[in-house]
């Protein structure tokens, strides 16, 4: 498939998990991809795996100067930008009664502020036909025990797409949310272990965990003109977890 032939894409949190899977799929479909993340070793490994149509820029979405460097690199090498996949995110557990200001700040700095500035700073490089994809979560719909800050941040991300679809009227740029849940990323494997993965997967209607590549395929759809009449929408890739 070459649905993204000649397109330039930025994927934050692109060195591992869903971001890396999306980068692979984008490149398979003809895109040139910039991945952005905080760990140089992981970025280097990802670029080695992705090949010649990938570049890596180190930085954090919570740091505006880092984002400026990212988009300066995109402009210098490619001139324009077609797709932004604002995928970087963090989440950790603290139950009500234990939540701290630091915990809230760390979560919202990456998941909300980082998403806002990732998109806002990309806009000068984008034009009609551009696609913005935000990573939400099933937790933003259903809630999840001990994930107050994470769930609230992902609910906020869902609303960003609705608000920005209004702001972008007339620009020809679309913005949608991709909401995974119960996906067997490296982080999920480390956090849950084999038995935990089985238990979490059994909660879905499909009775198993999803593969990051399945989320990457949905991201490629949202990035392409196949989804040209979609904006302000949410695509759930969660095995039915938040739908039943």
C-alpha atoms as a PDB file:
ATOM      1  CA  UNK A   1       0.000   0.000   0.000  1.00  0.00           C
ATOM      2  CA  UNK A   2       1.150   3.550  -0.726  1.00  0.00           C
ATOM      3  CA  UNK A   3      -1.600   5.618   0.883  1.00  0.00           C
ATOM      4  CA  UNK A   4       1.023   7.904   2.451  1.00  0.00           C
ATOM      5  CA  UNK A   5       3.371   8.099  -0.530  1.00  0.00           C
ATOM      6  CA  UNK A   6       5.490  11.264  -0.326  1.00  0.00           C
ATOM      7  CA  UNK A   7       3.964  12.384   2.970  1.00  0.00           C
ATOM      8  CA  UNK A   8       6.039  13.694   5.861  1.00  0.00           C
ATOM      9  CA  UNK A   9       5.002  12.651   9.359  1.00  0.00           C
ATOM     10  CA  UNK A  10       6.050  13.421  12.921  1.00  0.00           C
ATOM     11  CA  UNK A  11       5.422  10.826  15.622  1.00  0.00           C
ATOM     12  CA  UNK A  12       6.111  11.741  19.236  1.00  0.00           C
ATOM     13  CA  UNK A  13       6.859   8.851  21.546  1.00  0.00           C
ATOM     14  CA  UNK A  14       7.905   7.117  18.362  1.00  0.00           C
ATOM     15  CA  UNK A  15      10.821   4.990  19.552  1.00  0.00           C
ATOM     16  CA  UNK A  16       8.840   2.148  21.127  1.00  0.00           C
ATOM     17  CA  UNK A  17       5.394   0.601  21.405  1.00  0.00           C
ATOM     18  CA  UNK A  18       2.509   2.128  19.466  1.00  0.00           C
ATOM     19  CA  UNK A  19       4.642   4.989  18.168  1.00  0.00           C
ATOM     20  CA  UNK A  20       7.223   2.658  16.657  1.00  0.00           C
ATOM     21  CA  UNK A  21       4.526   0.408  15.201  1.00  0.00           C
ATOM     22  CA  UNK A  22       2.898   3.434  13.585  1.00  0.00           C
ATOM     23  CA  UNK A  23       6.247   4.616  12.220  1.00  0.00           C
ATOM     24  CA  UNK A  24       6.805   1.211  10.605  1.00  0.00           C
ATOM     25  CA  UNK A  25       3.353   1.262   9.012  1.00  0.00           C
ATOM     26  CA  UNK A  26       3.692   4.860   7.806  1.00  0.00           C
ATOM     27  CA  UNK A  27       7.011   4.062   6.131  1.00  0.00           C
ATOM     28  CA  UNK A  28       5.591   0.884   4.564  1.00  0.00           C
ATOM     29  CA  UNK A  29       2.890   3.078   3.044  1.00  0.00           C
ATOM     30  CA  UNK A  30       5.381   5.557   1.609  1.00  0.00           C
ATOM     31  CA  UNK A  31       5.875   8.218   4.287  1.00  0.00           C
ATOM     32  CA  UNK A  32       9.046   9.860   5.575  1.00  0.00           C
ATOM     33  CA  UNK A  33       8.910   9.854   9.381  1.00  0.00           C
ATOM     34  CA  UNK A  34      10.498  11.907  12.142  1.00  0.00           C
ATOM     35  CA  UNK A  35      10.330  10.167  15.509  1.00  0.00           C
ATOM     36  CA  UNK A  36      10.695  12.196  18.693  1.00  0.00           C
ATOM     37  CA  UNK A  37      11.439  10.932  22.185  1.00  0.00           C
ATOM     38  CA  UNK A  38      13.469  11.353  25.348  1.00  0.00           C
ATOM     39  CA  UNK A  39      15.817   8.323  25.221  1.00  0.00           C
ATOM     40  CA  UNK A  40      18.640   8.534  22.704  1.00  0.00           C
ATOM     41  CA  UNK A  41      19.453   4.821  22.857  1.00  0.00           C
ATOM     42  CA  UNK A  42      15.857   3.872  22.028  1.00  0.00           C
ATOM     43  CA  UNK A  43      15.709   6.463  19.235  1.00  0.00           C
ATOM     44  CA  UNK A  44      18.914   5.152  17.672  1.00  0.00           C
ATOM     45  CA  UNK A  45      17.659   1.573  17.800  1.00  0.00           C
ATOM     46  CA  UNK A  46      14.345   2.593  16.259  1.00  0.00           C
ATOM     47  CA  UNK A  47      15.980   4.443  13.361  1.00  0.00           C
ATOM     48  CA  UNK A  48      18.234   1.459  12.691  1.00  0.00           C
ATOM     49  CA  UNK A  49      15.105  -0.674  12.479  1.00  0.00           C
ATOM     50  CA  UNK A  50      13.063   1.805  10.428  1.00  0.00           C
ATOM     51  CA  UNK A  51      15.681   2.491   7.777  1.00  0.00           C
ATOM     52  CA  UNK A  52      16.479   5.383   5.457  1.00  0.00           C
ATOM     53  CA  UNK A  53      13.061   7.059   5.555  1.00  0.00           C
ATOM     54  CA  UNK A  54      13.264   7.829   9.274  1.00  0.00           C
ATOM     55  CA  UNK A  55      14.976  10.488  11.330  1.00  0.00           C
ATOM     56  CA  UNK A  56      15.148  10.846  15.111  1.00  0.00           C
ATOM     57  CA  UNK A  57      15.141  13.984  17.229  1.00  0.00           C
ATOM     58  CA  UNK A  58      15.715  13.759  20.969  1.00  0.00           C
ATOM     59  CA  UNK A  59      13.570  15.822  23.324  1.00  0.00           C
ATOM     60  CA  UNK A  60      10.481  16.072  25.489  1.00  0.00           C
ATOM     61  CA  UNK A  61       7.052  17.281  24.413  1.00  0.00           C
ATOM     62  CA  UNK A  62       6.865  19.217  27.671  1.00  0.00           C
ATOM     63  CA  UNK A  63       9.830  21.377  26.569  1.00  0.00           C
ATOM     64  CA  UNK A  64       8.901  23.990  23.961  1.00  0.00           C
ATOM     65  CA  UNK A  65      12.540  24.494  22.933  1.00  0.00           C
ATOM     66  CA  UNK A  66      12.837  20.768  22.172  1.00  0.00           C
ATOM     67  CA  UNK A  67       9.721  20.934  20.003  1.00  0.00           C
ATOM     68  CA  UNK A  68      11.116  23.972  18.203  1.00  0.00           C
ATOM     69  CA  UNK A  69      14.229  21.924  17.356  1.00  0.00           C
ATOM     70  CA  UNK A  70      12.049  19.088  16.085  1.00  0.00           C
ATOM     71  CA  UNK A  71      10.095  21.271  13.700  1.00  0.00           C
ATOM     72  CA  UNK A  72      13.206  23.152  12.599  1.00  0.00           C
ATOM     73  CA  UNK A  73      14.651  19.781  11.570  1.00  0.00           C
ATOM     74  CA  UNK A  74      11.456  18.898   9.677  1.00  0.00           C
ATOM     75  CA  UNK A  75      11.446  22.239   7.875  1.00  0.00           C
ATOM     76  CA  UNK A  76      15.149  22.028   6.980  1.00  0.00           C
ATOM     77  CA  UNK A  77      14.928  18.547   5.476  1.00  0.00           C
ATOM     78  CA  UNK A  78      11.376  18.314   4.165  1.00  0.00           C
ATOM     79  CA  UNK A  79       9.977  21.848   3.979  1.00  0.00           C
ATOM     80  CA  UNK A  80       6.424  20.952   4.949  1.00  0.00           C
ATOM     81  CA  UNK A  81       4.559  18.530   7.198  1.00  0.00           C
ATOM     82  CA  UNK A  82       1.526  16.394   6.388  1.00  0.00           C
ATOM     83  CA  UNK A  83       0.864  14.264   9.480  1.00  0.00           C
ATOM     84  CA  UNK A  84       1.340  14.795  13.212  1.00  0.00           C
ATOM     85  CA  UNK A  85       0.776  11.818  15.486  1.00  0.00           C
ATOM     86  CA  UNK A  86       0.880  13.284  19.011  1.00  0.00           C
ATOM     87  CA  UNK A  87       1.462   9.983  20.731  1.00  0.00           C
ATOM     88  CA  UNK A  88       3.795  10.758  23.656  1.00  0.00           C
ATOM     89  CA  UNK A  89       2.204  10.001  27.005  1.00  0.00           C
ATOM     90  CA  UNK A  90       2.811   8.859  30.555  1.00  0.00           C
ATOM     91  CA  UNK A  91       0.714   7.276  33.261  1.00  0.00           C
ATOM     92  CA  UNK A  92       1.201   5.901  36.748  1.00  0.00           C
ATOM     93  CA  UNK A  93      -1.066   4.771  39.546  1.00  0.00           C
ATOM     94  CA  UNK A  94      -2.017   6.694  42.683  1.00  0.00           C
ATOM     95  CA  UNK A  95      -5.330   6.127  44.419  1.00  0.00           C
ATOM     96  CA  UNK A  96      -7.571   8.917  45.599  1.00  0.00           C
ATOM     97  CA  UNK A  97      -6.191  10.055  48.954  1.00  0.00           C
ATOM     98  CA  UNK A  98      -2.579   9.540  47.794  1.00  0.00           C
ATOM     99  CA  UNK A  99      -2.497  11.900  44.790  1.00  0.00           C
ATOM    100  CA  UNK A 100       0.183  14.598  44.863  1.00  0.00           C
ATOM    101  CA  UNK A 101       0.634  17.859  42.972  1.00  0.00           C
ATOM    102  CA  UNK A 102       3.861  16.484  41.473  1.00  0.00           C
ATOM    103  CA  UNK A 103       2.021  13.439  40.137  1.00  0.00           C
ATOM    104  CA  UNK A 104      -0.649  15.608  38.507  1.00  0.00           C
ATOM    105  CA  UNK A 105       1.913  18.009  37.037  1.00  0.00           C
ATOM    106  CA  UNK A 106       4.037  15.214  35.554  1.00  0.00           C
ATOM    107  CA  UNK A 107       1.014  13.581  33.928  1.00  0.00           C
ATOM    108  CA  UNK A 108      -0.586  16.728  32.545  1.00  0.00           C
ATOM    109  CA  UNK A 109       2.721  18.251  31.402  1.00  0.00           C
ATOM    110  CA  UNK A 110       3.235  15.365  28.995  1.00  0.00           C
ATOM    111  CA  UNK A 111      -0.289  14.237  28.140  1.00  0.00           C
ATOM    112  CA  UNK A 112      -2.068  17.583  27.867  1.00  0.00           C
ATOM    113  CA  UNK A 113       0.413  20.459  27.662  1.00  0.00           C
ATOM    114  CA  UNK A 114       2.760  18.350  25.550  1.00  0.00           C
ATOM    115  CA  UNK A 115      -0.031  17.418  23.147  1.00  0.00           C
ATOM    116  CA  UNK A 116      -1.143  21.032  22.829  1.00  0.00           C
ATOM    117  CA  UNK A 117       2.307  22.365  21.964  1.00  0.00           C
ATOM    118  CA  UNK A 118       3.180  19.401  19.739  1.00  0.00           C
ATOM    119  CA  UNK A 119       0.234  20.338  17.557  1.00  0.00           C
ATOM    120  CA  UNK A 120       0.360  24.113  17.876  1.00  0.00           C
ATOM    121  CA  UNK A 121       4.015  24.319  16.859  1.00  0.00           C
ATOM    122  CA  UNK A 122       3.411  22.006  13.874  1.00  0.00           C
ATOM    123  CA  UNK A 123       0.665  24.119  12.318  1.00  0.00           C
ATOM    124  CA  UNK A 124       2.912  26.605  10.452  1.00  0.00           C
ATOM    125  CA  UNK A 125       4.298  23.664   8.445  1.00  0.00           C
ATOM    126  CA  UNK A 126       0.884  22.143   7.664  1.00  0.00           C
ATOM    127  CA  UNK A 127      -1.697  22.929   5.001  1.00  0.00           C
ATOM    128  CA  UNK A 128      -4.883  21.617   3.400  1.00  0.00           C
ATOM    129  CA  UNK A 129      -5.013  17.826   3.520  1.00  0.00           C
ATOM    130  CA  UNK A 130      -3.010  17.635   6.744  1.00  0.00           C
ATOM    131  CA  UNK A 131      -3.941  15.127   9.433  1.00  0.00           C
ATOM    132  CA  UNK A 132      -3.461  15.444  13.183  1.00  0.00           C
ATOM    133  CA  UNK A 133      -3.850  12.319  15.294  1.00  0.00           C
ATOM    134  CA  UNK A 134      -3.982  12.454  19.082  1.00  0.00           C
ATOM    135  CA  UNK A 135      -3.484   9.401  21.276  1.00  0.00           C
ATOM    136  CA  UNK A 136      -6.337   9.012  23.717  1.00  0.00           C
ATOM    137  CA  UNK A 137      -7.124   5.928  25.797  1.00  0.00           C
ATOM    138  CA  UNK A 138      -9.982   3.673  26.788  1.00  0.00           C
ATOM    139  CA  UNK A 139      -9.320   5.032  30.300  1.00  0.00           C
ATOM    140  CA  UNK A 140     -10.479   8.452  29.126  1.00  0.00           C
ATOM    141  CA  UNK A 141     -13.941   6.980  28.584  1.00  0.00           C
ATOM    142  CA  UNK A 142     -14.294   4.377  31.294  1.00  0.00           C
ATOM    143  CA  UNK A 143     -11.974   5.578  34.030  1.00  0.00           C
ATOM    144  CA  UNK A 144      -9.573   3.200  35.723  1.00  0.00           C
ATOM    145  CA  UNK A 145      -8.895   2.540  39.387  1.00  0.00           C
ATOM    146  CA  UNK A 146      -5.936   4.546  40.737  1.00  0.00           C
ATOM    147  CA  UNK A 147      -5.498   6.338  37.396  1.00  0.00           C
ATOM    148  CA  UNK A 148      -7.180   9.639  38.288  1.00  0.00           C
ATOM    149  CA  UNK A 149      -4.607  11.886  36.612  1.00  0.00           C
ATOM    150  CA  UNK A 150      -4.057   9.651  33.584  1.00  0.00           C
ATOM    151  CA  UNK A 151      -7.761   9.089  32.914  1.00  0.00           C
ATOM    152  CA  UNK A 152      -8.537  12.794  33.310  1.00  0.00           C
ATOM    153  CA  UNK A 153      -5.676  13.745  31.003  1.00  0.00           C
ATOM    154  CA  UNK A 154      -6.917  11.402  28.285  1.00  0.00           C
ATOM    155  CA  UNK A 155     -10.466  12.730  28.624  1.00  0.00           C
ATOM    156  CA  UNK A 156      -8.931  16.176  28.065  1.00  0.00           C
ATOM    157  CA  UNK A 157      -7.170  14.922  24.930  1.00  0.00           C
ATOM    158  CA  UNK A 158     -10.518  13.728  23.566  1.00  0.00           C
ATOM    159  CA  UNK A 159     -11.909  17.216  23.972  1.00  0.00           C
ATOM    160  CA  UNK A 160      -8.877  18.821  22.339  1.00  0.00           C
ATOM    161  CA  UNK A 161      -9.866  17.151  19.066  1.00  0.00           C
ATOM    162  CA  UNK A 162     -13.398  18.508  19.292  1.00  0.00           C
ATOM    163  CA  UNK A 163     -12.189  22.022  20.065  1.00  0.00           C
ATOM    164  CA  UNK A 164      -9.446  22.027  17.440  1.00  0.00           C
ATOM    165  CA  UNK A 165     -11.787  20.756  14.732  1.00  0.00           C
ATOM    166  CA  UNK A 166     -13.697  23.994  15.313  1.00  0.00           C
ATOM    167  CA  UNK A 167     -10.520  26.088  15.367  1.00  0.00           C
ATOM    168  CA  UNK A 168      -9.288  24.476  12.126  1.00  0.00           C
ATOM    169  CA  UNK A 169     -12.487  25.014  10.143  1.00  0.00           C
ATOM    170  CA  UNK A 170     -11.615  26.201   6.654  1.00  0.00           C
ATOM    171  CA  UNK A 171      -7.979  25.094   6.881  1.00  0.00           C
ATOM    172  CA  UNK A 172      -8.474  21.649   5.380  1.00  0.00           C
ATOM    173  CA  UNK A 173      -6.567  20.126   8.318  1.00  0.00           C
ATOM    174  CA  UNK A 174      -8.301  17.288  10.163  1.00  0.00           C
ATOM    175  CA  UNK A 175      -7.841  16.230  13.785  1.00  0.00           C
ATOM    176  CA  UNK A 176      -8.932  12.907  15.261  1.00  0.00           C
ATOM    177  CA  UNK A 177      -8.274  10.795  18.356  1.00  0.00           C
ATOM    178  CA  UNK A 178      -6.948   7.242  18.321  1.00  0.00           C
ATOM    179  CA  UNK A 179      -7.819   5.527  21.593  1.00  0.00           C
ATOM    180  CA  UNK A 180      -6.093   2.216  22.333  1.00  0.00           C
ATOM    181  CA  UNK A 181      -6.737  -0.054  25.272  1.00  0.00           C
ATOM    182  CA  UNK A 182      -5.407  -3.460  26.329  1.00  0.00           C
ATOM    183  CA  UNK A 183      -2.463  -3.300  23.919  1.00  0.00           C
ATOM    184  CA  UNK A 184       0.613  -5.444  24.578  1.00  0.00           C
ATOM    185  CA  UNK A 185       3.284  -2.750  24.411  1.00  0.00           C
ATOM    186  CA  UNK A 186       6.680  -3.165  26.049  1.00  0.00           C
ATOM    187  CA  UNK A 187       5.504  -0.949  28.897  1.00  0.00           C
ATOM    188  CA  UNK A 188       2.371  -3.052  29.450  1.00  0.00           C
ATOM    189  CA  UNK A 189       4.414  -6.250  29.456  1.00  0.00           C
ATOM    190  CA  UNK A 190       6.795  -4.850  32.068  1.00  0.00           C
ATOM    191  CA  UNK A 191       4.010  -3.459  34.239  1.00  0.00           C
ATOM    192  CA  UNK A 192       1.591  -6.403  34.105  1.00  0.00           C
ATOM    193  CA  UNK A 193       3.680  -9.503  33.468  1.00  0.00           C
ATOM    194  CA  UNK A 194       2.445 -12.525  31.520  1.00  0.00           C
ATOM    195  CA  UNK A 195      -0.450 -13.344  33.840  1.00  0.00           C
ATOM    196  CA  UNK A 196      -1.487  -9.726  34.070  1.00  0.00           C
ATOM    197  CA  UNK A 197      -1.587  -9.431  30.296  1.00  0.00           C
ATOM    198  CA  UNK A 198      -3.832 -12.485  30.075  1.00  0.00           C
ATOM    199  CA  UNK A 199      -6.170 -11.094  32.723  1.00  0.00           C
ATOM    200  CA  UNK A 200      -6.358  -7.666  31.063  1.00  0.00           C
ATOM    201  CA  UNK A 201      -6.893  -9.198  27.640  1.00  0.00           C
ATOM    202  CA  UNK A 202      -9.726 -11.352  28.967  1.00  0.00           C
ATOM    203  CA  UNK A 203     -11.618  -8.159  29.845  1.00  0.00           C
ATOM    204  CA  UNK A 204     -12.027  -7.321  26.156  1.00  0.00           C
ATOM    205  CA  UNK A 205     -14.784  -8.656  23.922  1.00  0.00           C
ATOM    206  CA  UNK A 206     -12.119 -10.315  21.773  1.00  0.00           C
ATOM    207  CA  UNK A 207     -10.592 -12.054  24.829  1.00  0.00           C
ATOM    208  CA  UNK A 208      -6.983 -11.111  24.153  1.00  0.00           C
ATOM    209  CA  UNK A 209      -4.543  -8.204  24.168  1.00  0.00           C
ATOM    210  CA  UNK A 210      -4.074  -6.163  21.036  1.00  0.00           C
ATOM    211  CA  UNK A 211      -0.826  -5.842  19.119  1.00  0.00           C
ATOM    212  CA  UNK A 212       0.784  -2.403  18.666  1.00  0.00           C
ATOM    213  CA  UNK A 213       0.775  -3.057  14.910  1.00  0.00           C
ATOM    214  CA  UNK A 214      -3.040  -3.091  14.986  1.00  0.00           C
ATOM    215  CA  UNK A 215      -3.039   0.402  16.464  1.00  0.00           C
ATOM    216  CA  UNK A 216      -0.396   1.475  13.946  1.00  0.00           C
ATOM    217  CA  UNK A 217      -2.687   0.331  11.130  1.00  0.00           C
ATOM    218  CA  UNK A 218      -5.517   2.492  12.481  1.00  0.00           C
ATOM    219  CA  UNK A 219      -3.120   5.449  12.741  1.00  0.00           C
ATOM    220  CA  UNK A 220      -2.175   4.984   9.083  1.00  0.00           C
ATOM    221  CA  UNK A 221      -5.860   5.072   8.160  1.00  0.00           C
ATOM    222  CA  UNK A 222      -6.366   8.337  10.045  1.00  0.00           C
ATOM    223  CA  UNK A 223      -3.223   9.775   8.461  1.00  0.00           C
ATOM    224  CA  UNK A 224      -4.371   8.964   4.945  1.00  0.00           C
ATOM    225  CA  UNK A 225      -7.003  10.395   2.632  1.00  0.00           C
ATOM    226  CA  UNK A 226      -9.079   7.249   3.255  1.00  0.00           C
ATOM    227  CA  UNK A 227     -10.341   9.079   6.353  1.00  0.00           C
ATOM    228  CA  UNK A 228     -10.801  12.396   4.529  1.00  0.00           C
ATOM    229  CA  UNK A 229     -14.344  12.980   5.836  1.00  0.00           C
ATOM    230  CA  UNK A 230     -13.388  12.375   9.451  1.00  0.00           C
ATOM    231  CA  UNK A 231     -12.540  15.083  11.945  1.00  0.00           C
ATOM    232  CA  UNK A 232     -13.239  15.489  15.689  1.00  0.00           C
ATOM    233  CA  UNK A 233     -13.800  11.718  15.750  1.00  0.00           C
ATOM    234  CA  UNK A 234     -12.496   9.042  18.088  1.00  0.00           C
ATOM    235  CA  UNK A 235     -11.366   5.660  16.777  1.00  0.00           C
ATOM    236  CA  UNK A 236     -11.217   3.027  19.506  1.00  0.00           C
ATOM    237  CA  UNK A 237      -8.722   0.198  19.005  1.00  0.00           C
ATOM    238  CA  UNK A 238      -9.383  -1.592  22.267  1.00  0.00           C
ATOM    239  CA  UNK A 239     -11.003  -4.954  21.534  1.00  0.00           C
ATOM    240  CA  UNK A 240     -14.298  -3.464  22.711  1.00  0.00           C
ATOM    241  CA  UNK A 241     -12.943  -2.715  26.200  1.00  0.00           C
ATOM    242  CA  UNK A 242     -14.532   0.732  26.511  1.00  0.00           C
ATOM    243  CA  UNK A 243     -17.476   0.012  24.250  1.00  0.00           C
ATOM    244  CA  UNK A 244     -19.392  -2.638  26.211  1.00  0.00           C
END
